[in-house]
Amino acid sequence: MGALAGLAIMAAGMTPAATMAREAKTRHEVATPVAATMDVAAFQTQAGQYVGRLVHVSGCYITSANSGGADCAAFRIADLPGQVDWNGSVPLDGPTMEESSFRRAQQICGDTGQHEQCRAEVSGVVYDPFGDMGVQGQRNFELRNVRIQWLAEPTAHPAEKTHDGHHAAH
């Protein structure tokens, strides 16, 4: 009977701890905030401090999409029309990308051009592939588990955005 009582006490003692761990995990999943929102240039200088954390990169165009991934690229104002004028890019890992984002990127954003239909924001987890391999020195960070938020949906009209912005100012 003493052994049964001891088991009951142990089981009772474990239940609150297990419940607390489960609640903490649930809270963590619900409250997983984006570590930072940044543009491509900021990502290139700050990514190291966000390794393993979810970030949001705004103001880019999806380019160079292929089976291995894509880039979230920023462009400078080109001196000559039609000329690619890179201002940097964030590599996006294809195999871990959200499937519909990856499929659409491959369908419409396969080249290095700045196309309106490829304008986007991306969210993903910062990854350091060279650091993972033990390579020291300069890092080339990428995003994994990426979800693309397409900003150039066919249903979006510039007049709607202007109206919303004007209305919000009142």
N, C-alpha and C. Protein backbone atom coordinates (compact mmCIF):
# COMPACT_ATOMS: atom_id res chain seq x y z
N MET A 1 0.83 -1.19 0.00
CA MET A 1 0.00 0.00 0.00
C MET A 1 0.87 1.25 0.00
N GLY A 2 2.02 1.19 0.69
CA GLY A 2 2.94 2.33 0.71
C GLY A 2 3.46 2.63 -0.68
N ALA A 3 3.75 1.59 -1.46
CA ALA A 3 4.25 1.79 -2.81
C ALA A 3 3.19 2.44 -3.69
N LEU A 4 1.94 2.02 -3.52
CA LEU A 4 0.86 2.62 -4.30
C LEU A 4 0.67 4.09 -3.94
N ALA A 5 0.76 4.38 -2.65
CA ALA A 5 0.63 5.77 -2.21
C ALA A 5 1.77 6.60 -2.80
N GLY A 6 2.98 6.02 -2.79
CA GLY A 6 4.13 6.72 -3.35
C GLY A 6 3.94 6.99 -4.84
N LEU A 7 3.41 5.99 -5.57
CA LEU A 7 3.15 6.17 -7.00
C LEU A 7 2.10 7.25 -7.21
N ALA A 8 1.07 7.24 -6.37
CA ALA A 8 0.02 8.24 -6.50
C ALA A 8 0.58 9.63 -6.28
N ILE A 9 1.46 9.76 -5.28
CA ILE A 9 2.06 11.06 -4.99
C ILE A 9 2.95 11.48 -6.17
N MET A 10 3.75 10.52 -6.69
CA MET A 10 4.61 10.84 -7.84
C MET A 10 3.78 11.24 -9.05
N ALA A 11 2.71 10.49 -9.30
CA ALA A 11 1.86 10.80 -10.45
C ALA A 11 1.22 12.17 -10.28
N ALA A 12 0.76 12.44 -9.05
CA ALA A 12 0.15 13.74 -8.78
C ALA A 12 1.19 14.84 -8.93
N GLY A 13 2.41 14.58 -8.47
CA GLY A 13 3.47 15.57 -8.57
C GLY A 13 3.89 15.81 -10.01
N MET A 14 3.83 14.78 -10.84
CA MET A 14 4.25 14.93 -12.22
C MET A 14 3.18 15.62 -13.06
N THR A 15 1.95 15.42 -12.71
CA THR A 15 0.87 15.98 -13.51
C THR A 15 0.94 17.51 -13.57
N PRO A 16 1.07 18.21 -12.43
CA PRO A 16 1.15 19.67 -12.53
C PRO A 16 2.37 20.13 -13.35
N ALA A 17 3.51 19.44 -13.20
CA ALA A 17 4.70 19.83 -13.96
C ALA A 17 4.46 19.60 -15.45
N ALA A 18 3.87 18.46 -15.79
CA ALA A 18 3.59 18.17 -17.20
C ALA A 18 2.58 19.17 -17.74
N THR A 19 1.59 19.50 -16.93
CA THR A 19 0.58 20.47 -17.35
C THR A 19 1.23 21.84 -17.56
N MET A 20 2.11 22.24 -16.63
CA MET A 20 2.79 23.53 -16.76
C MET A 20 3.65 23.54 -18.02
N ALA A 21 4.36 22.47 -18.29
CA ALA A 21 5.21 22.40 -19.49
C ALA A 21 4.36 22.51 -20.74
N ARG A 22 3.22 21.80 -20.75
CA ARG A 22 2.34 21.85 -21.90
C ARG A 22 1.77 23.26 -22.07
N GLU A 23 1.37 23.89 -20.97
CA GLU A 23 0.84 25.25 -21.04
C GLU A 23 1.91 26.22 -21.51
N ALA A 24 3.15 26.05 -21.03
CA ALA A 24 4.24 26.92 -21.45
C ALA A 24 4.49 26.76 -22.94
N LYS A 25 4.45 25.52 -23.42
CA LYS A 25 4.66 25.26 -24.84
C LYS A 25 3.54 25.91 -25.65
N THR A 26 2.31 25.77 -25.19
CA THR A 26 1.18 26.36 -25.89
C THR A 26 1.32 27.88 -25.90
N ARG A 27 1.68 28.47 -24.77
CA ARG A 27 1.87 29.91 -24.72
C ARG A 27 2.97 30.32 -25.69
N HIS A 28 4.06 29.56 -25.73
CA HIS A 28 5.18 29.87 -26.61
C HIS A 28 4.74 29.82 -28.07
N GLU A 29 3.97 28.80 -28.43
CA GLU A 29 3.52 28.66 -29.81
C GLU A 29 2.59 29.81 -30.19
N VAL A 30 1.72 30.19 -29.28
CA VAL A 30 0.77 31.25 -29.55
C VAL A 30 1.49 32.59 -29.62
N ALA A 31 2.46 32.79 -28.76
CA ALA A 31 3.13 34.08 -28.65
C ALA A 31 4.49 34.09 -29.32
N THR A 32 4.67 33.36 -30.42
CA THR A 32 5.95 33.38 -31.12
C THR A 32 5.99 34.65 -31.95
N PRO A 33 6.60 35.70 -31.41
CA PRO A 33 6.61 36.96 -32.13
C PRO A 33 7.69 36.99 -33.21
N VAL A 34 7.50 37.84 -34.18
CA VAL A 34 8.53 38.08 -35.18
C VAL A 34 9.63 38.85 -34.45
N ALA A 35 10.88 38.39 -34.57
CA ALA A 35 11.99 39.02 -33.86
C ALA A 35 12.20 40.45 -34.34
N ALA A 36 12.05 40.67 -35.64
CA ALA A 36 12.27 42.00 -36.18
C ALA A 36 11.68 42.09 -37.57
N THR A 37 11.33 43.32 -37.94
CA THR A 37 10.93 43.61 -39.31
C THR A 37 12.00 44.52 -39.87
N MET A 38 12.50 44.16 -41.04
CA MET A 38 13.61 44.92 -41.62
C MET A 38 13.55 44.87 -43.14
N ASP A 39 14.33 45.74 -43.77
CA ASP A 39 14.46 45.66 -45.22
C ASP A 39 15.69 44.82 -45.55
N VAL A 40 15.95 44.65 -46.83
CA VAL A 40 17.05 43.78 -47.26
C VAL A 40 18.39 44.28 -46.72
N ALA A 41 18.64 45.59 -46.80
CA ALA A 41 19.91 46.14 -46.33
C ALA A 41 20.10 45.88 -44.84
N ALA A 42 19.05 46.04 -44.04
CA ALA A 42 19.15 45.79 -42.61
C ALA A 42 19.40 44.30 -42.35
N PHE A 43 18.75 43.43 -43.12
CA PHE A 43 18.98 41.99 -42.96
C PHE A 43 20.45 41.67 -43.17
N GLN A 44 21.05 42.26 -44.19
CA GLN A 44 22.44 41.96 -44.49
C GLN A 44 23.38 42.36 -43.37
N THR A 45 23.03 43.38 -42.60
CA THR A 45 23.91 43.81 -41.52
C THR A 45 23.51 43.25 -40.15
N GLN A 46 22.25 42.86 -39.98
CA GLN A 46 21.77 42.47 -38.65
C GLN A 46 21.40 41.00 -38.51
N ALA A 47 21.39 40.23 -39.58
CA ALA A 47 20.89 38.85 -39.54
C ALA A 47 21.58 38.00 -38.47
N GLY A 48 22.86 38.22 -38.24
CA GLY A 48 23.60 37.41 -37.28
C GLY A 48 22.99 37.39 -35.89
N GLN A 49 22.38 38.47 -35.51
CA GLN A 49 21.79 38.53 -34.16
C GLN A 49 20.42 37.86 -34.08
N TYR A 50 19.91 37.41 -35.22
CA TYR A 50 18.59 36.78 -35.24
C TYR A 50 18.61 35.31 -35.67
N VAL A 51 19.78 34.68 -35.69
CA VAL A 51 19.87 33.28 -36.11
C VAL A 51 18.93 32.43 -35.26
N GLY A 52 18.12 31.62 -35.94
CA GLY A 52 17.16 30.75 -35.26
C GLY A 52 15.85 31.44 -34.92
N ARG A 53 15.72 32.71 -35.26
CA ARG A 53 14.50 33.44 -34.92
C ARG A 53 13.75 33.87 -36.18
N LEU A 54 12.45 34.04 -36.04
CA LEU A 54 11.59 34.45 -37.13
C LEU A 54 11.74 35.94 -37.39
N VAL A 55 12.00 36.32 -38.64
CA VAL A 55 12.07 37.73 -39.01
C VAL A 55 11.16 37.99 -40.21
N HIS A 56 10.86 39.25 -40.42
CA HIS A 56 10.01 39.69 -41.53
C HIS A 56 10.85 40.67 -42.36
N VAL A 57 11.00 40.38 -43.64
CA VAL A 57 11.77 41.26 -44.54
C VAL A 57 10.77 41.91 -45.50
N SER A 58 10.78 43.23 -45.52
CA SER A 58 9.83 43.97 -46.35
C SER A 58 10.54 44.65 -47.51
N GLY A 59 9.74 45.09 -48.46
CA GLY A 59 10.25 45.90 -49.56
C GLY A 59 11.18 45.19 -50.52
N CYS A 60 10.80 43.99 -50.95
CA CYS A 60 11.68 43.30 -51.90
C CYS A 60 10.87 42.70 -53.05
N TYR A 61 11.60 42.17 -54.00
CA TYR A 61 11.02 41.48 -55.15
C TYR A 61 11.58 40.06 -55.15
N ILE A 62 10.71 39.09 -55.36
CA ILE A 62 11.17 37.71 -55.46
C ILE A 62 11.81 37.55 -56.84
N THR A 63 13.04 37.05 -56.86
CA THR A 63 13.79 36.88 -58.11
C THR A 63 14.50 35.53 -58.10
N SER A 64 14.99 35.15 -59.26
CA SER A 64 15.86 33.97 -59.42
C SER A 64 15.25 32.69 -58.85
N ALA A 65 13.94 32.56 -58.88
CA ALA A 65 13.29 31.38 -58.30
C ALA A 65 13.58 30.14 -59.14
N ASN A 66 14.05 29.10 -58.47
CA ASN A 66 14.30 27.81 -59.13
C ASN A 66 14.07 26.72 -58.10
N SER A 67 14.41 25.48 -58.42
CA SER A 67 14.12 24.37 -57.52
C SER A 67 14.87 24.47 -56.19
N GLY A 68 15.96 25.22 -56.16
CA GLY A 68 16.73 25.35 -54.92
C GLY A 68 16.25 26.46 -54.01
N GLY A 69 15.49 27.40 -54.55
CA GLY A 69 15.03 28.51 -53.73
C GLY A 69 14.81 29.74 -54.57
N ALA A 70 14.96 30.90 -53.95
CA ALA A 70 14.75 32.18 -54.61
C ALA A 70 15.50 33.24 -53.83
N ASP A 71 15.41 34.47 -54.29
CA ASP A 71 15.98 35.60 -53.57
C ASP A 71 14.89 36.62 -53.30
N CYS A 72 15.02 37.31 -52.19
CA CYS A 72 14.19 38.46 -51.86
C CYS A 72 15.13 39.64 -52.12
N ALA A 73 15.01 40.27 -53.31
CA ALA A 73 15.99 41.25 -53.77
C ALA A 73 15.46 42.67 -53.67
N ALA A 74 16.38 43.57 -53.38
CA ALA A 74 16.08 45.00 -53.39
C ALA A 74 16.85 45.62 -54.54
N PHE A 75 16.28 46.65 -55.12
CA PHE A 75 16.88 47.30 -56.28
C PHE A 75 17.10 48.78 -55.99
N ARG A 76 18.16 49.32 -56.57
CA ARG A 76 18.38 50.77 -56.56
C ARG A 76 17.66 51.33 -57.78
N ILE A 77 17.52 52.63 -57.83
CA ILE A 77 16.97 53.26 -59.03
C ILE A 77 18.02 53.11 -60.11
N ALA A 78 17.65 52.46 -61.18
CA ALA A 78 18.60 52.18 -62.26
C ALA A 78 18.93 53.44 -63.05
N ASP A 79 20.20 53.55 -63.47
CA ASP A 79 20.62 54.67 -64.30
C ASP A 79 20.04 54.55 -65.71
N LEU A 80 19.94 53.32 -66.18
CA LEU A 80 19.43 53.07 -67.53
C LEU A 80 18.18 52.21 -67.46
N PRO A 81 17.15 52.55 -68.21
CA PRO A 81 15.92 51.74 -68.18
C PRO A 81 16.21 50.28 -68.56
N GLY A 82 15.56 49.38 -67.84
CA GLY A 82 15.70 47.96 -68.15
C GLY A 82 16.96 47.32 -67.61
N GLN A 83 17.78 48.08 -66.92
CA GLN A 83 19.02 47.54 -66.39
C GLN A 83 18.82 47.08 -64.95
N VAL A 84 19.30 45.89 -64.62
CA VAL A 84 19.19 45.38 -63.26
C VAL A 84 20.20 46.13 -62.39
N ASP A 85 19.74 46.72 -61.33
CA ASP A 85 20.62 47.46 -60.44
C ASP A 85 20.38 46.96 -59.01
N TRP A 86 21.04 45.86 -58.67
CA TRP A 86 20.86 45.21 -57.37
C TRP A 86 21.29 46.10 -56.23
N ASN A 87 20.54 46.01 -55.17
CA ASN A 87 20.92 46.68 -53.93
C ASN A 87 21.08 45.63 -52.83
N GLY A 88 21.09 44.38 -53.20
CA GLY A 88 21.27 43.29 -52.25
C GLY A 88 20.11 42.32 -52.31
N SER A 89 20.32 41.14 -51.72
CA SER A 89 19.25 40.15 -51.69
C SER A 89 19.40 39.24 -50.49
N VAL A 90 18.30 38.62 -50.13
CA VAL A 90 18.24 37.65 -49.05
C VAL A 90 17.92 36.30 -49.68
N PRO A 91 18.82 35.30 -49.56
CA PRO A 91 18.52 33.98 -50.10
C PRO A 91 17.38 33.31 -49.34
N LEU A 92 16.47 32.68 -50.09
CA LEU A 92 15.33 31.97 -49.50
C LEU A 92 15.48 30.49 -49.83
N ASP A 93 15.49 29.66 -48.81
CA ASP A 93 15.69 28.22 -49.00
C ASP A 93 14.43 27.58 -49.57
N GLY A 94 14.55 26.98 -50.75
CA GLY A 94 13.40 26.38 -51.43
C GLY A 94 12.81 25.16 -50.75
N PRO A 95 13.63 24.16 -50.39
CA PRO A 95 13.06 22.93 -49.82
C PRO A 95 12.26 23.13 -48.53
N THR A 96 12.54 24.21 -47.79
CA THR A 96 11.78 24.43 -46.55
C THR A 96 10.69 25.50 -46.71
N MET A 97 10.58 26.08 -47.90
CA MET A 97 9.60 27.15 -48.13
C MET A 97 8.17 26.62 -48.15
N GLU A 98 7.25 27.43 -47.69
CA GLU A 98 5.83 27.09 -47.74
C GLU A 98 5.49 26.79 -49.20
N GLU A 99 4.81 25.68 -49.44
CA GLU A 99 4.65 25.13 -50.78
C GLU A 99 4.01 26.07 -51.79
N SER A 100 2.90 26.72 -51.43
CA SER A 100 2.23 27.57 -52.42
C SER A 100 3.08 28.81 -52.74
N SER A 101 3.82 29.32 -51.75
CA SER A 101 4.73 30.44 -52.00
C SER A 101 5.80 30.04 -52.99
N PHE A 102 6.38 28.84 -52.77
CA PHE A 102 7.47 28.36 -53.60
C PHE A 102 6.99 28.10 -55.03
N ARG A 103 5.83 27.51 -55.16
CA ARG A 103 5.28 27.21 -56.48
C ARG A 103 5.03 28.50 -57.27
N ARG A 104 4.42 29.48 -56.62
CA ARG A 104 4.13 30.74 -57.31
C ARG A 104 5.42 31.46 -57.68
N ALA A 105 6.39 31.45 -56.79
CA ALA A 105 7.68 32.09 -57.08
C ALA A 105 8.30 31.49 -58.33
N GLN A 106 8.30 30.17 -58.43
CA GLN A 106 8.88 29.50 -59.59
C GLN A 106 8.11 29.82 -60.87
N GLN A 107 6.80 29.97 -60.76
CA GLN A 107 5.97 30.22 -61.95
C GLN A 107 6.17 31.63 -62.50
N ILE A 108 6.33 32.62 -61.64
CA ILE A 108 6.32 34.01 -62.14
C ILE A 108 7.58 34.81 -61.87
N CYS A 109 8.51 34.30 -61.09
CA CYS A 109 9.66 35.12 -60.69
C CYS A 109 11.00 34.41 -60.91
N GLY A 110 11.17 33.81 -62.08
CA GLY A 110 12.36 33.01 -62.35
C GLY A 110 13.58 33.78 -62.78
N ASP A 111 13.41 35.04 -63.20
CA ASP A 111 14.59 35.78 -63.65
C ASP A 111 15.04 36.79 -62.60
N THR A 112 16.00 37.63 -62.98
CA THR A 112 16.57 38.58 -62.01
C THR A 112 15.94 39.97 -62.12
N GLY A 113 14.86 40.09 -62.87
CA GLY A 113 14.24 41.39 -63.08
C GLY A 113 13.36 41.84 -61.92
N GLN A 114 13.08 43.14 -61.93
CA GLN A 114 12.21 43.77 -60.93
C GLN A 114 10.81 43.83 -61.52
N HIS A 115 10.00 42.81 -61.26
CA HIS A 115 8.66 42.72 -61.85
C HIS A 115 7.61 43.01 -60.77
N GLU A 116 6.65 43.83 -61.13
CA GLU A 116 5.61 44.23 -60.17
C GLU A 116 4.89 43.03 -59.57
N GLN A 117 4.63 41.99 -60.37
CA GLN A 117 3.91 40.82 -59.85
C GLN A 117 4.74 40.03 -58.84
N CYS A 118 6.04 40.34 -58.73
CA CYS A 118 6.92 39.63 -57.80
C CYS A 118 7.23 40.46 -56.55
N ARG A 119 6.58 41.61 -56.40
CA ARG A 119 6.78 42.46 -55.23
C ARG A 119 6.22 41.72 -54.02
N ALA A 120 7.00 41.68 -52.92
CA ALA A 120 6.59 40.84 -51.79
C ALA A 120 7.24 41.27 -50.49
N GLU A 121 6.77 40.64 -49.45
CA GLU A 121 7.41 40.65 -48.13
C GLU A 121 7.54 39.19 -47.75
N VAL A 122 8.57 38.86 -47.00
CA VAL A 122 8.77 37.46 -46.63
C VAL A 122 8.99 37.34 -45.12
N SER A 123 8.56 36.22 -44.58
CA SER A 123 8.82 35.90 -43.18
C SER A 123 9.48 34.53 -43.16
N GLY A 124 10.51 34.40 -42.33
CA GLY A 124 11.19 33.12 -42.23
C GLY A 124 12.17 33.13 -41.07
N VAL A 125 12.78 31.99 -40.85
CA VAL A 125 13.73 31.82 -39.75
C VAL A 125 15.14 32.02 -40.29
N VAL A 126 15.90 32.89 -39.64
CA VAL A 126 17.27 33.17 -40.07
C VAL A 126 18.14 31.94 -39.83
N TYR A 127 18.90 31.58 -40.85
CA TYR A 127 19.75 30.40 -40.80
C TYR A 127 21.15 30.76 -41.26
N ASP A 128 22.14 30.15 -40.63
CA ASP A 128 23.55 30.38 -40.94
C ASP A 128 24.16 29.07 -41.43
N PRO A 129 24.08 28.79 -42.75
CA PRO A 129 24.56 27.49 -43.24
C PRO A 129 26.04 27.26 -43.00
N PHE A 130 26.86 28.29 -43.15
CA PHE A 130 28.30 28.11 -42.96
C PHE A 130 28.64 27.93 -41.49
N GLY A 131 27.94 28.64 -40.62
CA GLY A 131 28.14 28.47 -39.19
C GLY A 131 27.78 27.07 -38.75
N ASP A 132 26.72 26.53 -39.36
CA ASP A 132 26.29 25.16 -39.07
C ASP A 132 27.37 24.15 -39.45
N MET A 133 28.15 24.48 -40.47
CA MET A 133 29.22 23.58 -40.91
C MET A 133 30.53 23.85 -40.18
N GLY A 134 30.53 24.82 -39.25
CA GLY A 134 31.72 25.13 -38.48
C GLY A 134 32.67 26.09 -39.18
N VAL A 135 32.24 26.70 -40.27
CA VAL A 135 33.10 27.64 -40.99
C VAL A 135 33.14 28.96 -40.22
N GLN A 136 34.34 29.47 -40.01
CA GLN A 136 34.51 30.73 -39.30
C GLN A 136 34.62 31.88 -40.31
N GLY A 137 34.42 33.09 -39.85
CA GLY A 137 34.58 34.25 -40.72
C GLY A 137 33.25 34.81 -41.17
N GLN A 138 33.26 35.42 -42.34
CA GLN A 138 32.07 36.09 -42.85
C GLN A 138 30.93 35.11 -43.06
N ARG A 139 29.74 35.57 -42.78
CA ARG A 139 28.55 34.74 -42.89
C ARG A 139 27.69 35.16 -44.06
N ASN A 140 26.99 34.21 -44.62
CA ASN A 140 26.00 34.47 -45.65
C ASN A 140 24.69 33.87 -45.14
N PHE A 141 23.89 34.68 -44.49
CA PHE A 141 22.66 34.21 -43.88
C PHE A 141 21.57 34.02 -44.91
N GLU A 142 20.65 33.13 -44.61
CA GLU A 142 19.50 32.89 -45.48
C GLU A 142 18.27 32.73 -44.61
N LEU A 143 17.12 32.67 -45.26
CA LEU A 143 15.87 32.42 -44.55
C LEU A 143 15.37 31.04 -44.90
N ARG A 144 14.91 30.33 -43.89
CA ARG A 144 14.29 29.01 -44.07
C ARG A 144 12.85 29.10 -43.57
N ASN A 145 12.07 28.09 -43.95
CA ASN A 145 10.65 28.03 -43.56
C ASN A 145 9.93 29.32 -43.96
N VAL A 146 10.22 29.78 -45.16
CA VAL A 146 9.72 31.07 -45.65
C VAL A 146 8.27 30.98 -46.10
N ARG A 147 7.55 32.04 -45.78
CA ARG A 147 6.20 32.27 -46.32
C ARG A 147 6.27 33.63 -47.01
N ILE A 148 5.83 33.66 -48.26
CA ILE A 148 5.85 34.90 -49.03
C ILE A 148 4.48 35.55 -48.96
N GLN A 149 4.48 36.84 -48.66
CA GLN A 149 3.24 37.63 -48.73
C GLN A 149 3.35 38.45 -50.02
N TRP A 150 2.58 38.07 -51.00
CA TRP A 150 2.62 38.76 -52.29
C TRP A 150 1.89 40.09 -52.17
N LEU A 151 2.52 41.17 -52.61
CA LEU A 151 1.93 42.50 -52.48
C LEU A 151 1.25 42.97 -53.74
N ALA A 152 1.44 42.28 -54.84
CA ALA A 152 0.88 42.71 -56.12
C ALA A 152 -0.24 41.77 -56.55
N GLU A 153 -1.20 41.55 -55.69
CA GLU A 153 -2.34 40.70 -56.03
C GLU A 153 -3.14 41.35 -57.14
N PRO A 154 -3.70 40.56 -58.06
CA PRO A 154 -4.50 41.12 -59.15
C PRO A 154 -5.69 41.93 -58.66
N THR A 155 -6.21 41.64 -57.46
CA THR A 155 -7.40 42.33 -56.95
C THR A 155 -7.06 43.67 -56.32
N ALA A 156 -5.79 43.94 -56.04
CA ALA A 156 -5.42 45.21 -55.40
C ALA A 156 -5.39 46.31 -56.45
N HIS A 157 -6.04 47.43 -56.13
CA HIS A 157 -6.06 48.57 -57.03
C HIS A 157 -5.42 49.75 -56.33
N PRO A 158 -4.59 50.53 -57.00
CA PRO A 158 -3.95 51.69 -56.37
C PRO A 158 -4.98 52.66 -55.78
N ALA A 159 -6.14 52.80 -56.41
CA ALA A 159 -7.16 53.72 -55.89
C ALA A 159 -7.62 53.31 -54.50
N GLU A 160 -7.72 51.98 -54.25
CA GLU A 160 -8.14 51.51 -52.93
C GLU A 160 -7.11 51.89 -51.87
N LYS A 161 -5.84 51.75 -52.20
CA LYS A 161 -4.79 52.08 -51.24
C LYS A 161 -4.81 53.58 -50.94
N THR A 162 -4.99 54.41 -51.97
CA THR A 162 -5.03 55.86 -51.79
C THR A 162 -6.21 56.23 -50.91
N HIS A 163 -7.35 55.63 -51.18
CA HIS A 163 -8.56 55.92 -50.40
C HIS A 163 -8.33 55.52 -48.93
N ASP A 164 -7.79 54.34 -48.71
CA ASP A 164 -7.54 53.90 -47.33
C ASP A 164 -6.57 54.85 -46.63
N GLY A 165 -5.50 55.23 -47.31
CA GLY A 165 -4.52 56.13 -46.72
C GLY A 165 -5.14 57.47 -46.42
N HIS A 166 -5.98 57.99 -47.34
CA HIS A 166 -6.63 59.28 -47.16
C HIS A 166 -7.61 59.21 -46.01
N HIS A 167 -8.37 58.13 -45.95
CA HIS A 167 -9.37 57.96 -44.91
C HIS A 167 -8.70 57.86 -43.54
N ALA A 168 -7.57 57.18 -43.47
CA ALA A 168 -6.86 57.00 -42.20
C ALA A 168 -6.31 58.32 -41.68
N ALA A 169 -6.07 59.28 -42.56
CA ALA A 169 -5.50 60.56 -42.15
C ALA A 169 -6.50 61.44 -41.46
N HIS A 170 -7.79 61.20 -41.66
CA HIS A 170 -8.83 62.06 -41.03
C HIS A 170 -8.94 61.80 -39.58
